[in-house]
Amino acid sequence: MTTDTDPTVAEAACFEAGIKFGTLYHQFAGTPVSPDSAASLAQAIEESIENQPHCTDVTVEVLVDELEAELADSAADYTELTGRFLEVDIVVDYEGCEVVTRMEMEDGYPLMRVESVRDR
């Protein structure tokens, strides 16, 4: 029996995508990163998040130009990973409902949003 309080499949799929972003952001924020380690860190993040249930695709881009700009006036050759250095796409397939999500900087904030929801 379905009631008004039961989530739809699409709502549950969106929730699953949110879980993936929460895990990604809070697990990897603060990780030491440099322009030289950016690609391997991006791959590690992708592979880690893809292990989660219902996750079908993860694409992580560590913005090397942003890292280089951050480090230009620094004595260190690395910094800590934050949302301003990331662009991420996550695709979740939950019970035949595909949710495409994205994280990118918007107005100085790493905004995570649903790009599309569709039945497969």
PDB file of N, CA and C in Angstrom:
ATOM      1  N   MET A   1       0.840  -1.179   0.000  1.00  0.00           N
ATOM      2  CA  MET A   1       0.000   0.000   0.000  1.00  0.00           C
ATOM      3  C   MET A   1       0.885   1.244   0.000  1.00  0.00           C
ATOM      4  N   THR A   2       0.636   2.167  -0.872  1.00  0.00           N
ATOM      5  CA  THR A   2       1.380   3.417  -0.947  1.00  0.00           C
ATOM      6  C   THR A   2       0.591   4.513  -0.244  1.00  0.00           C
ATOM      7  N   THR A   3       1.296   5.270   0.563  1.00  0.00           N
ATOM      8  CA  THR A   3       0.666   6.416   1.216  1.00  0.00           C
ATOM      9  C   THR A   3       1.396   7.674   0.778  1.00  0.00           C
ATOM     10  N   ASP A   4       0.864   8.812   1.172  1.00  0.00           N
ATOM     11  CA  ASP A   4       1.510  10.072   0.812  1.00  0.00           C
ATOM     12  C   ASP A   4       2.897  10.212   1.424  1.00  0.00           C
ATOM     13  N   THR A   5       3.208   9.413   2.430  1.00  0.00           N
ATOM     14  CA  THR A   5       4.518   9.528   3.074  1.00  0.00           C
ATOM     15  C   THR A   5       5.548   8.573   2.494  1.00  0.00           C
ATOM     16  N   ASP A   6       5.155   7.652   1.634  1.00  0.00           N
ATOM     17  CA  ASP A   6       6.110   6.751   1.003  1.00  0.00           C
ATOM     18  C   ASP A   6       6.828   7.479  -0.124  1.00  0.00           C
ATOM     19  N   PRO A   7       8.160   7.389  -0.156  1.00  0.00           N
ATOM     20  CA  PRO A   7       8.877   8.061  -1.244  1.00  0.00           C
ATOM     21  C   PRO A   7       8.635   7.354  -2.577  1.00  0.00           C
ATOM     22  N   THR A   8       8.637   8.128  -3.631  1.00  0.00           N
ATOM     23  CA  THR A   8       8.561   7.543  -4.969  1.00  0.00           C
ATOM     24  C   THR A   8       9.922   6.942  -5.302  1.00  0.00           C
ATOM     25  N   VAL A   9       9.963   6.151  -6.347  1.00  0.00           N
ATOM     26  CA  VAL A   9      11.243   5.600  -6.801  1.00  0.00           C
ATOM     27  C   VAL A   9      12.189   6.733  -7.170  1.00  0.00           C
ATOM     28  N   ALA A  10      11.685   7.759  -7.841  1.00  0.00           N
ATOM     29  CA  ALA A  10      12.526   8.898  -8.222  1.00  0.00           C
ATOM     30  C   ALA A  10      13.071   9.621  -6.988  1.00  0.00           C
ATOM     31  N   GLU A  11      12.240   9.791  -5.971  1.00  0.00           N
ATOM     32  CA  GLU A  11      12.705  10.438  -4.743  1.00  0.00           C
ATOM     33  C   GLU A  11      13.776   9.597  -4.055  1.00  0.00           C
ATOM     34  N   ALA A  12      13.577   8.291  -4.013  1.00  0.00           N
ATOM     35  CA  ALA A  12      14.575   7.406  -3.411  1.00  0.00           C
ATOM     36  C   ALA A  12      15.881   7.436  -4.212  1.00  0.00           C
ATOM     37  N   ALA A  13      15.779   7.497  -5.530  1.00  0.00           N
ATOM     38  CA  ALA A  13      16.969   7.581  -6.375  1.00  0.00           C
ATOM     39  C   ALA A  13      17.737   8.882  -6.120  1.00  0.00           C
ATOM     40  N   CYS A  14      17.024   9.977  -5.966  1.00  0.00           N
ATOM     41  CA  CYS A  14      17.659  11.259  -5.650  1.00  0.00           C
ATOM     42  C   CYS A  14      18.323  11.211  -4.274  1.00  0.00           C
ATOM     43  N   PHE A  15      17.679  10.576  -3.323  1.00  0.00           N
ATOM     44  CA  PHE A  15      18.266  10.405  -1.997  1.00  0.00           C
ATOM     45  C   PHE A  15      19.573   9.621  -2.105  1.00  0.00           C
ATOM     46  N   GLU A  16      19.567   8.544  -2.887  1.00  0.00           N
ATOM     47  CA  GLU A  16      20.787   7.752  -3.087  1.00  0.00           C
ATOM     48  C   GLU A  16      21.912   8.615  -3.660  1.00  0.00           C
ATOM     49  N   ALA A  17      21.597   9.468  -4.614  1.00  0.00           N
ATOM     50  CA  ALA A  17      22.607  10.361  -5.192  1.00  0.00           C
ATOM     51  C   ALA A  17      23.143  11.308  -4.124  1.00  0.00           C
ATOM     52  N   GLY A  18      22.274  11.820  -3.271  1.00  0.00           N
ATOM     53  CA  GLY A  18      22.707  12.692  -2.189  1.00  0.00           C
ATOM     54  C   GLY A  18      23.661  12.000  -1.239  1.00  0.00           C
ATOM     55  N   ILE A  19      23.391  10.731  -0.949  1.00  0.00           N
ATOM     56  CA  ILE A  19      24.283   9.946  -0.087  1.00  0.00           C
ATOM     57  C   ILE A  19      25.669   9.862  -0.720  1.00  0.00           C
ATOM     58  N   LYS A  20      25.723   9.648  -2.015  1.00  0.00           N
ATOM     59  CA  LYS A  20      27.020   9.538  -2.705  1.00  0.00           C
ATOM     60  C   LYS A  20      27.799  10.845  -2.582  1.00  0.00           C
ATOM     61  N   PHE A  21      27.118  11.976  -2.789  1.00  0.00           N
ATOM     62  CA  PHE A  21      27.797  13.264  -2.680  1.00  0.00           C
ATOM     63  C   PHE A  21      28.244  13.550  -1.250  1.00  0.00           C
ATOM     64  N   GLY A  22      27.402  13.231  -0.289  1.00  0.00           N
ATOM     65  CA  GLY A  22      27.788  13.445   1.100  1.00  0.00           C
ATOM     66  C   GLY A  22      29.027  12.643   1.454  1.00  0.00           C
ATOM     67  N   THR A  23      29.055  11.397   1.026  1.00  0.00           N
ATOM     68  CA  THR A  23      30.214  10.549   1.272  1.00  0.00           C
ATOM     69  C   THR A  23      31.448  11.114   0.579  1.00  0.00           C
ATOM     70  N   LEU A  24      31.307  11.450  -0.681  1.00  0.00           N
ATOM     71  CA  LEU A  24      32.441  11.965  -1.453  1.00  0.00           C
ATOM     72  C   LEU A  24      33.013  13.215  -0.794  1.00  0.00           C
ATOM     73  N   TYR A  25      32.157  14.159  -0.524  1.00  0.00           N
ATOM     74  CA  TYR A  25      32.649  15.445  -0.025  1.00  0.00           C
ATOM     75  C   TYR A  25      33.279  15.302   1.352  1.00  0.00           C
ATOM     76  N   HIS A  26      32.605  14.624   2.249  1.00  0.00           N
ATOM     77  CA  HIS A  26      33.087  14.585   3.621  1.00  0.00           C
ATOM     78  C   HIS A  26      34.194  13.564   3.835  1.00  0.00           C
ATOM     79  N   GLN A  27      34.314  12.596   2.953  1.00  0.00           N
ATOM     80  CA  GLN A  27      35.410  11.644   3.043  1.00  0.00           C
ATOM     81  C   GLN A  27      36.706  12.243   2.510  1.00  0.00           C
ATOM     82  N   PHE A  28      36.630  13.040   1.454  1.00  0.00           N
ATOM     83  CA  PHE A  28      37.847  13.492   0.786  1.00  0.00           C
ATOM     84  C   PHE A  28      38.224  14.945   1.060  1.00  0.00           C
ATOM     85  N   ALA A  29      37.327  15.753   1.594  1.00  0.00           N
ATOM     86  CA  ALA A  29      37.686  17.139   1.939  1.00  0.00           C
ATOM     87  C   ALA A  29      38.828  17.095   2.950  1.00  0.00           C
ATOM     88  N   GLY A  30      39.838  17.891   2.682  1.00  0.00           N
ATOM     89  CA  GLY A  30      41.001  17.942   3.561  1.00  0.00           C
ATOM     90  C   GLY A  30      42.151  17.060   3.113  1.00  0.00           C
ATOM     91  N   THR A  31      41.922  16.224   2.111  1.00  0.00           N
ATOM     92  CA  THR A  31      42.986  15.368   1.596  1.00  0.00           C
ATOM     93  C   THR A  31      44.079  16.235   0.974  1.00  0.00           C
ATOM     94  N   PRO A  32      45.344  15.981   1.292  1.00  0.00           N
ATOM     95  CA  PRO A  32      46.419  16.727   0.641  1.00  0.00           C
ATOM     96  C   PRO A  32      46.403  16.468  -0.872  1.00  0.00           C
ATOM     97  N   VAL A  33      46.509  17.539  -1.660  1.00  0.00           N
ATOM     98  CA  VAL A  33      46.483  17.408  -3.113  1.00  0.00           C
ATOM     99  C   VAL A  33      47.423  18.432  -3.732  1.00  0.00           C
ATOM    100  N   SER A  34      48.064  18.025  -4.796  1.00  0.00           N
ATOM    101  CA  SER A  34      48.949  18.904  -5.558  1.00  0.00           C
ATOM    102  C   SER A  34      48.617  18.727  -7.037  1.00  0.00           C
ATOM    103  N   PRO A  35      49.122  19.602  -7.875  1.00  0.00           N
ATOM    104  CA  PRO A  35      48.892  19.394  -9.307  1.00  0.00           C
ATOM    105  C   PRO A  35      49.397  18.027  -9.780  1.00  0.00           C
ATOM    106  N   ASP A  36      50.496  17.548  -9.191  1.00  0.00           N
ATOM    107  CA  ASP A  36      51.040  16.249  -9.596  1.00  0.00           C
ATOM    108  C   ASP A  36      50.185  15.068  -9.135  1.00  0.00           C
ATOM    109  N   SER A  37      49.478  15.210  -8.028  1.00  0.00           N
ATOM    110  CA  SER A  37      48.679  14.093  -7.511  1.00  0.00           C
ATOM    111  C   SER A  37      47.201  14.202  -7.879  1.00  0.00           C
ATOM    112  N   ALA A  38      46.807  15.257  -8.570  1.00  0.00           N
ATOM    113  CA  ALA A  38      45.383  15.500  -8.856  1.00  0.00           C
ATOM    114  C   ALA A  38      44.732  14.362  -9.626  1.00  0.00           C
ATOM    115  N   ALA A  39      45.377  13.864 -10.656  1.00  0.00           N
ATOM    116  CA  ALA A  39      44.764  12.808 -11.484  1.00  0.00           C
ATOM    117  C   ALA A  39      44.584  11.516 -10.699  1.00  0.00           C
ATOM    118  N   SER A  40      45.576  11.146  -9.915  1.00  0.00           N
ATOM    119  CA  SER A  40      45.444   9.898  -9.156  1.00  0.00           C
ATOM    120  C   SER A  40      44.410  10.035  -8.048  1.00  0.00           C
ATOM    121  N   LEU A  41      44.313  11.215  -7.445  1.00  0.00           N
ATOM    122  CA  LEU A  41      43.290  11.436  -6.432  1.00  0.00           C
ATOM    123  C   LEU A  41      41.897  11.382  -7.059  1.00  0.00           C
ATOM    124  N   ALA A  42      41.726  11.996  -8.218  1.00  0.00           N
ATOM    125  CA  ALA A  42      40.431  11.949  -8.915  1.00  0.00           C
ATOM    126  C   ALA A  42      40.030  10.507  -9.197  1.00  0.00           C
ATOM    127  N   GLN A  43      40.959   9.705  -9.658  1.00  0.00           N
ATOM    128  CA  GLN A  43      40.674   8.297  -9.946  1.00  0.00           C
ATOM    129  C   GLN A  43      40.306   7.543  -8.669  1.00  0.00           C
ATOM    130  N   ALA A  44      41.019   7.792  -7.593  1.00  0.00           N
ATOM    131  CA  ALA A  44      40.713   7.125  -6.320  1.00  0.00           C
ATOM    132  C   ALA A  44      39.317   7.497  -5.823  1.00  0.00           C
ATOM    133  N   ILE A  45      38.949   8.764  -5.962  1.00  0.00           N
ATOM    134  CA  ILE A  45      37.615   9.203  -5.538  1.00  0.00           C
ATOM    135  C   ILE A  45      36.546   8.511  -6.387  1.00  0.00           C
ATOM    136  N   GLU A  46      36.748   8.500  -7.704  1.00  0.00           N
ATOM    137  CA  GLU A  46      35.790   7.844  -8.604  1.00  0.00           C
ATOM    138  C   GLU A  46      35.588   6.379  -8.219  1.00  0.00           C
ATOM    139  N   GLU A  47      36.692   5.666  -8.056  1.00  0.00           N
ATOM    140  CA  GLU A  47      36.610   4.237  -7.763  1.00  0.00           C
ATOM    141  C   GLU A  47      35.981   3.979  -6.400  1.00  0.00           C
ATOM    142  N   SER A  48      36.257   4.841  -5.446  1.00  0.00           N
ATOM    143  CA  SER A  48      35.678   4.688  -4.113  1.00  0.00           C
ATOM    144  C   SER A  48      34.167   4.862  -4.142  1.00  0.00           C
ATOM    145  N   ILE A  49      33.705   5.921  -4.764  1.00  0.00           N
ATOM    146  CA  ILE A  49      32.268   6.216  -4.768  1.00  0.00           C
ATOM    147  C   ILE A  49      31.506   5.211  -5.637  1.00  0.00           C
ATOM    148  N   GLU A  50      32.118   4.733  -6.713  1.00  0.00           N
ATOM    149  CA  GLU A  50      31.463   3.743  -7.573  1.00  0.00           C
ATOM    150  C   GLU A  50      31.196   2.433  -6.850  1.00  0.00           C
ATOM    151  N   ASN A  51      31.876   2.181  -5.735  1.00  0.00           N
ATOM    152  CA  ASN A  51      31.619   0.975  -4.945  1.00  0.00           C
ATOM    153  C   ASN A  51      30.258   0.999  -4.273  1.00  0.00           C
ATOM    154  N   GLN A  52      29.680   2.152  -4.101  1.00  0.00           N
ATOM    155  CA  GLN A  52      28.427   2.273  -3.365  1.00  0.00           C
ATOM    156  C   GLN A  52      27.249   1.733  -4.189  1.00  0.00           C
ATOM    157  N   PRO A  53      26.246   1.203  -3.491  1.00  0.00           N
ATOM    158  CA  PRO A  53      25.084   0.644  -4.190  1.00  0.00           C
ATOM    159  C   PRO A  53      24.411   1.669  -5.100  1.00  0.00           C
ATOM    160  N   HIS A  54      23.945   1.186  -6.238  1.00  0.00           N
ATOM    161  CA  HIS A  54      23.152   1.945  -7.209  1.00  0.00           C
ATOM    162  C   HIS A  54      23.960   2.980  -7.993  1.00  0.00           C
ATOM    163  N   CYS A  55      25.241   3.128  -7.709  1.00  0.00           N
ATOM    164  CA  CYS A  55      26.076   4.108  -8.404  1.00  0.00           C
ATOM    165  C   CYS A  55      26.588   3.479  -9.695  1.00  0.00           C
ATOM    166  N   THR A  56      26.263   4.086 -10.830  1.00  0.00           N
ATOM    167  CA  THR A  56      26.670   3.505 -12.108  1.00  0.00           C
ATOM    168  C   THR A  56      27.824   4.250 -12.769  1.00  0.00           C
ATOM    169  N   ASP A  57      28.028   5.518 -12.403  1.00  0.00           N
ATOM    170  CA  ASP A  57      29.122   6.266 -13.025  1.00  0.00           C
ATOM    171  C   ASP A  57      29.494   7.447 -12.137  1.00  0.00           C
ATOM    172  N   VAL A  58      30.787   7.677 -12.015  1.00  0.00           N
ATOM    173  CA  VAL A  58      31.308   8.836 -11.291  1.00  0.00           C
ATOM    174  C   VAL A  58      32.439   9.425 -12.117  1.00  0.00           C
ATOM    175  N   THR A  59      32.379  10.719 -12.336  1.00  0.00           N
ATOM    176  CA  THR A  59      33.461  11.429 -13.017  1.00  0.00           C
ATOM    177  C   THR A  59      33.903  12.566 -12.108  1.00  0.00           C
ATOM    178  N   VAL A  60      35.190  12.562 -11.767  1.00  0.00           N
ATOM    179  CA  VAL A  60      35.752  13.582 -10.894  1.00  0.00           C
ATOM    180  C   VAL A  60      36.854  14.304 -11.653  1.00  0.00           C
ATOM    181  N   GLU A  61      36.767  15.612 -11.674  1.00  0.00           N
ATOM    182  CA  GLU A  61      37.842  16.425 -12.244  1.00  0.00           C
ATOM    183  C   GLU A  61      38.388  17.310 -11.131  1.00  0.00           C
ATOM    184  N   VAL A  62      39.674  17.125 -10.836  1.00  0.00           N
ATOM    185  CA  VAL A  62      40.351  18.030  -9.915  1.00  0.00           C
ATOM    186  C   VAL A  62      40.885  19.169 -10.780  1.00  0.00           C
ATOM    187  N   LEU A  63      40.509  20.378 -10.466  1.00  0.00           N
ATOM    188  CA  LEU A  63      40.830  21.547 -11.292  1.00  0.00           C
ATOM    189  C   LEU A  63      42.268  21.988 -11.039  1.00  0.00           C
ATOM    190  N   VAL A  64      43.161  21.494 -11.865  1.00  0.00           N
ATOM    191  CA  VAL A  64      44.600  21.730 -11.693  1.00  0.00           C
ATOM    192  C   VAL A  64      44.935  23.210 -11.799  1.00  0.00           C
ATOM    193  N   ASP A  65      44.300  23.936 -12.703  1.00  0.00           N
ATOM    194  CA  ASP A  65      44.574  25.377 -12.813  1.00  0.00           C
ATOM    195  C   ASP A  65      44.242  26.100 -11.510  1.00  0.00           C
ATOM    196  N   GLU A  66      43.154  25.702 -10.878  1.00  0.00           N
ATOM    197  CA  GLU A  66      42.781  26.292  -9.590  1.00  0.00           C
ATOM    198  C   GLU A  66      43.793  25.931  -8.508  1.00  0.00           C
ATOM    199  N   LEU A  67      44.259  24.689  -8.513  1.00  0.00           N
ATOM    200  CA  LEU A  67      45.295  24.273  -7.555  1.00  0.00           C
ATOM    201  C   LEU A  67      46.566  25.090  -7.750  1.00  0.00           C
ATOM    202  N   GLU A  68      46.987  25.223  -8.991  1.00  0.00           N
ATOM    203  CA  GLU A  68      48.203  25.980  -9.285  1.00  0.00           C
ATOM    204  C   GLU A  68      48.076  27.432  -8.833  1.00  0.00           C
ATOM    205  N   ALA A  69      46.922  28.030  -9.056  1.00  0.00           N
ATOM    206  CA  ALA A  69      46.711  29.415  -8.618  1.00  0.00           C
ATOM    207  C   ALA A  69      46.765  29.514  -7.097  1.00  0.00           C
ATOM    208  N   GLU A  70      46.183  28.539  -6.412  1.00  0.00           N
ATOM    209  CA  GLU A  70      46.203  28.512  -4.947  1.00  0.00           C
ATOM    210  C   GLU A  70      47.626  28.408  -4.416  1.00  0.00           C
ATOM    211  N   LEU A  71      48.463  27.645  -5.115  1.00  0.00           N
ATOM    212  CA  LEU A  71      49.821  27.375  -4.654  1.00  0.00           C
ATOM    213  C   LEU A  71      50.847  28.398  -5.142  1.00  0.00           C
ATOM    214  N   ALA A  72      50.441  29.293  -6.021  1.00  0.00           N
ATOM    215  CA  ALA A  72      51.391  30.232  -6.634  1.00  0.00           C
ATOM    216  C   ALA A  72      52.158  31.058  -5.603  1.00  0.00           C
ATOM    217  N   ASP A  73      51.505  31.496  -4.553  1.00  0.00           N
ATOM    218  CA  ASP A  73      52.154  32.332  -3.541  1.00  0.00           C
ATOM    219  C   ASP A  73      52.426  31.572  -2.248  1.00  0.00           C
ATOM    220  N   SER A  74      52.434  30.249  -2.326  1.00  0.00           N
ATOM    221  CA  SER A  74      52.598  29.421  -1.135  1.00  0.00           C
ATOM    222  C   SER A  74      53.985  28.792  -1.102  1.00  0.00           C
ATOM    223  N   ALA A  75      54.503  28.609   0.087  1.00  0.00           N
ATOM    224  CA  ALA A  75      55.780  27.911   0.247  1.00  0.00           C
ATOM    225  C   ALA A  75      55.583  26.399   0.100  1.00  0.00           C
ATOM    226  N   ALA A  76      54.354  25.930   0.276  1.00  0.00           N
ATOM    227  CA  ALA A  76      54.059  24.496   0.168  1.00  0.00           C
ATOM    228  C   ALA A  76      53.822  24.118  -1.289  1.00  0.00           C
ATOM    229  N   ASP A  77      53.986  22.834  -1.584  1.00  0.00           N
ATOM    230  CA  ASP A  77      53.718  22.370  -2.944  1.00  0.00           C
ATOM    231  C   ASP A  77      52.423  21.555  -3.016  1.00  0.00           C
ATOM    232  N   TYR A  78      51.606  21.664  -1.962  1.00  0.00           N
ATOM    233  CA  TYR A  78      50.291  21.026  -1.944  1.00  0.00           C
ATOM    234  C   TYR A  78      49.350  21.880  -1.103  1.00  0.00           C
ATOM    235  N   THR A  79      48.067  21.566  -1.226  1.00  0.00           N
ATOM    236  CA  THR A  79      47.049  22.216  -0.403  1.00  0.00           C
ATOM    237  C   THR A  79      46.025  21.159  -0.025  1.00  0.00           C
ATOM    238  N   GLU A  80      44.995  21.548   0.690  1.00  0.00           N
ATOM    239  CA  GLU A  80      43.956  20.574   1.029  1.00  0.00           C
ATOM    240  C   GLU A  80      42.817  20.649   0.027  1.00  0.00           C
ATOM    241  N   LEU A  81      42.271  19.497  -0.269  1.00  0.00           N
ATOM    242  CA  LEU A  81      41.173  19.408  -1.214  1.00  0.00           C
ATOM    243  C   LEU A  81      39.911  20.028  -0.616  1.00  0.00           C
ATOM    244  N   THR A  82      39.290  20.905  -1.377  1.00  0.00           N
ATOM    245  CA  THR A  82      37.986  21.473  -1.025  1.00  0.00           C
ATOM    246  C   THR A  82      37.120  21.456  -2.279  1.00  0.00           C
ATOM    247  N   GLY A  83      35.867  21.793  -2.105  1.00  0.00           N
ATOM    248  CA  GLY A  83      34.939  21.798  -3.226  1.00  0.00           C
ATOM    249  C   GLY A  83      35.327  22.739  -4.346  1.00  0.00           C
ATOM    250  N   ARG A  84      36.073  23.782  -4.036  1.00  0.00           N
ATOM    251  CA  ARG A  84      36.424  24.722  -5.105  1.00  0.00           C
ATOM    252  C   ARG A  84      37.420  24.146  -6.108  1.00  0.00           C
ATOM    253  N   PHE A  85      38.006  22.998  -5.784  1.00  0.00           N
ATOM    254  CA  PHE A  85      38.941  22.341  -6.693  1.00  0.00           C
ATOM    255  C   PHE A  85      38.318  21.158  -7.428  1.00  0.00           C
ATOM    256  N   LEU A  86      37.015  20.970  -7.291  1.00  0.00           N
ATOM    257  CA  LEU A  86      36.366  19.779  -7.846  1.00  0.00           C
ATOM    258  C   LEU A  86      35.198  20.112  -8.758  1.00  0.00           C
ATOM    259  N   GLU A  87      35.052  19.300  -9.799  1.00  0.00           N
ATOM    260  CA  GLU A  87      33.819  19.193 -10.568  1.00  0.00           C
ATOM    261  C   GLU A  87      33.511  17.710 -10.626  1.00  0.00           C
ATOM    262  N   VAL A  88      32.285  17.341 -10.256  1.00  0.00           N
ATOM    263  CA  VAL A  88      31.925  15.934 -10.105  1.00  0.00           C
ATOM    264  C   VAL A  88      30.571  15.680 -10.756  1.00  0.00           C
ATOM    265  N   ASP A  89      30.490  14.561 -11.464  1.00  0.00           N
ATOM    266  CA  ASP A  89      29.222  14.057 -11.983  1.00  0.00           C
ATOM    267  C   ASP A  89      29.011  12.664 -11.407  1.00  0.00           C
ATOM    268  N   ILE A  90      27.822  12.399 -10.900  1.00  0.00           N
ATOM    269  CA  ILE A  90      27.471  11.090 -10.371  1.00  0.00           C
ATOM    270  C   ILE A  90      26.152  10.657 -10.998  1.00  0.00           C
ATOM    271  N   VAL A  91      26.116   9.400 -11.454  1.00  0.00           N
ATOM    272  CA  VAL A  91      24.898   8.817 -12.010  1.00  0.00           C
ATOM    273  C   VAL A  91      24.487   7.649 -11.118  1.00  0.00           C
ATOM    274  N   VAL A  92      23.228   7.656 -10.721  1.00  0.00           N
ATOM    275  CA  VAL A  92      22.652   6.611  -9.892  1.00  0.00           C
ATOM    276  C   VAL A  92      21.516   5.967 -10.667  1.00  0.00           C
ATOM    277  N   ASP A  93      21.448   4.648 -10.609  1.00  0.00           N
ATOM    278  CA  ASP A  93      20.313   3.919 -11.183  1.00  0.00           C
ATOM    279  C   ASP A  93      19.668   3.142 -10.045  1.00  0.00           C
ATOM    280  N   TYR A  94      18.480   3.574  -9.662  1.00  0.00           N
ATOM    281  CA  TYR A  94      17.758   2.965  -8.558  1.00  0.00           C
ATOM    282  C   TYR A  94      16.424   2.448  -9.068  1.00  0.00           C
ATOM    283  N   GLU A  95      16.286   1.139  -9.070  1.00  0.00           N
ATOM    284  CA  GLU A  95      15.046   0.489  -9.503  1.00  0.00           C
ATOM    285  C   GLU A  95      14.534   1.036 -10.838  1.00  0.00           C
ATOM    286  N   GLY A  96      15.456   1.213 -11.794  1.00  0.00           N
ATOM    287  CA  GLY A  96      15.082   1.662 -13.128  1.00  0.00           C
ATOM    288  C   GLY A  96      14.934   3.160 -13.299  1.00  0.00           C
ATOM    289  N   CYS A  97      15.239   3.908 -12.268  1.00  0.00           N
ATOM    290  CA  CYS A  97      15.199   5.370 -12.350  1.00  0.00           C
ATOM    291  C   CYS A  97      16.634   5.889 -12.327  1.00  0.00           C
ATOM    292  N   GLU A  98      17.002   6.603 -13.372  1.00  0.00           N
ATOM    293  CA  GLU A  98      18.358   7.151 -13.472  1.00  0.00           C
ATOM    294  C   GLU A  98      18.365   8.615 -13.035  1.00  0.00           C
ATOM    295  N   VAL A  99      19.277   8.928 -12.130  1.00  0.00           N
ATOM    296  CA  VAL A  99      19.452  10.296 -11.648  1.00  0.00           C
ATOM    297  C   VAL A  99      20.869  10.735 -12.000  1.00  0.00           C
ATOM    298  N   VAL A 100      20.968  11.852 -12.681  1.00  0.00           N
ATOM    299  CA  VAL A 100      22.263  12.437 -13.023  1.00  0.00           C
ATOM    300  C   VAL A 100      22.444  13.673 -12.154  1.00  0.00           C
ATOM    301  N   THR A 101      23.560  13.723 -11.432  1.00  0.00           N
ATOM    302  CA  THR A 101      23.824  14.823 -10.513  1.00  0.00           C
ATOM    303  C   THR A 101      25.182  15.441 -10.819  1.00  0.00           C
ATOM    304  N   ARG A 102      25.367  16.674 -10.331  1.00  0.00           N
ATOM    305  CA  ARG A 102      26.612  17.398 -10.624  1.00  0.00           C
ATOM    306  C   ARG A 102      26.953  18.295  -9.445  1.00  0.00           C
ATOM    307  N   MET A 103      28.254  18.422  -9.210  1.00  0.00           N
ATOM    308  CA  MET A 103      28.759  19.388  -8.244  1.00  0.00           C
ATOM    309  C   MET A 103      29.767  20.279  -8.949  1.00  0.00           C
ATOM    310  N   GLU A 104      29.569  21.583  -8.816  1.00  0.00           N
ATOM    311  CA  GLU A 104      30.513  22.559  -9.341  1.00  0.00           C
ATOM    312  C   GLU A 104      30.336  23.843  -8.544  1.00  0.00           C
ATOM    313  N   MET A 105      31.320  24.715  -8.645  1.00  0.00           N
ATOM    314  CA  MET A 105      31.260  25.972  -7.913  1.00  0.00           C
ATOM    315  C   MET A 105      30.201  26.881  -8.521  1.00  0.00           C
ATOM    316  N   GLU A 106      29.421  27.486  -7.650  1.00  0.00           N
ATOM    317  CA  GLU A 106      28.448  28.487  -8.067  1.00  0.00           C
ATOM    318  C   GLU A 106      28.407  29.562  -6.986  1.00  0.00           C
ATOM    319  N   ASP A 107      28.748  30.775  -7.383  1.00  0.00           N
ATOM    320  CA  ASP A 107      28.771  31.898  -6.441  1.00  0.00           C
ATOM    321  C   ASP A 107      29.642  31.606  -5.219  1.00  0.00           C
ATOM    322  N   GLY A 108      30.795  30.954  -5.451  1.00  0.00           N
ATOM    323  CA  GLY A 108      31.745  30.684  -4.377  1.00  0.00           C
ATOM    324  C   GLY A 108      31.406  29.501  -3.496  1.00  0.00           C
ATOM    325  N   TYR A 109      30.430  28.705  -3.899  1.00  0.00           N
ATOM    326  CA  TYR A 109      29.991  27.572  -3.085  1.00  0.00           C
ATOM    327  C   TYR A 109      29.947  26.315  -3.946  1.00  0.00           C
ATOM    328  N   PRO A 110      30.429  25.174  -3.423  1.00  0.00           N
ATOM    329  CA  PRO A 110      30.351  23.928  -4.201  1.00  0.00           C
ATOM    330  C   PRO A 110      28.926  23.380  -4.186  1.00  0.00           C
ATOM    331  N   LEU A 111      28.155  23.747  -5.182  1.00  0.00           N
ATOM    332  CA  LEU A 111      26.740  23.392  -5.252  1.00  0.00           C
ATOM    333  C   LEU A 111      26.564  21.999  -5.851  1.00  0.00           C
ATOM    334  N   MET A 112      25.811  21.161  -5.153  1.00  0.00           N
ATOM    335  CA  MET A 112      25.474  19.824  -5.623  1.00  0.00           C
ATOM    336  C   MET A 112      24.011  19.855  -6.035  1.00  0.00           C
ATOM    337  N   ARG A 113      23.734  19.399  -7.257  1.00  0.00           N
ATOM    338  CA  ARG A 113      22.351  19.483  -7.726  1.00  0.00           C
ATOM    339  C   ARG A 113      21.992  18.308  -8.631  1.00  0.00           C
ATOM    340  N   VAL A 114      20.694  18.089  -8.740  1.00  0.00           N
ATOM    341  CA  VAL A 114      20.164  17.082  -9.648  1.00  0.00           C
ATOM    342  C   VAL A 114      20.049  17.721 -11.022  1.00  0.00           C
ATOM    343  N   GLU A 115      20.661  17.080 -12.009  1.00  0.00           N
ATOM    344  CA  GLU A 115      20.604  17.562 -13.390  1.00  0.00           C
ATOM    345  C   GLU A 115      19.401  16.963 -14.116  1.00  0.00           C
ATOM    346  N   SER A 116      19.140  15.661 -13.889  1.00  0.00           N
ATOM    347  CA  SER A 116      17.997  15.018 -14.551  1.00  0.00           C
ATOM    348  C   SER A 116      17.576  13.776 -13.786  1.00  0.00           C
ATOM    349  N   VAL A 117      16.296  13.446 -13.970  1.00  0.00           N
ATOM    350  CA  VAL A 117      15.708  12.226 -13.408  1.00  0.00           C
ATOM    351  C   VAL A 117      14.872  11.621 -14.520  1.00  0.00           C
ATOM    352  N   ARG A 118      15.131  10.345 -14.801  1.00  0.00           N
ATOM    353  CA  ARG A 118      14.333   9.722 -15.855  1.00  0.00           C
ATOM    354  C   ARG A 118      14.204   8.212 -15.628  1.00  0.00           C
ATOM    355  N   ASP A 119      13.083   7.677 -16.062  1.00  0.00           N
ATOM    356  CA  ASP A 119      12.892   6.229 -16.034  1.00  0.00           C
ATOM    357  C   ASP A 119      13.724   5.613 -17.151  1.00  0.00           C
ATOM    358  N   ARG A 120      14.302   4.492 -16.860  1.00  0.00           N
ATOM    359  CA  ARG A 120      15.119   3.782 -17.867  1.00  0.00           C
ATOM    360  C   ARG A 120      14.357   2.635 -18.448  1.00  0.00           C
TER     361      ARG A 120
END
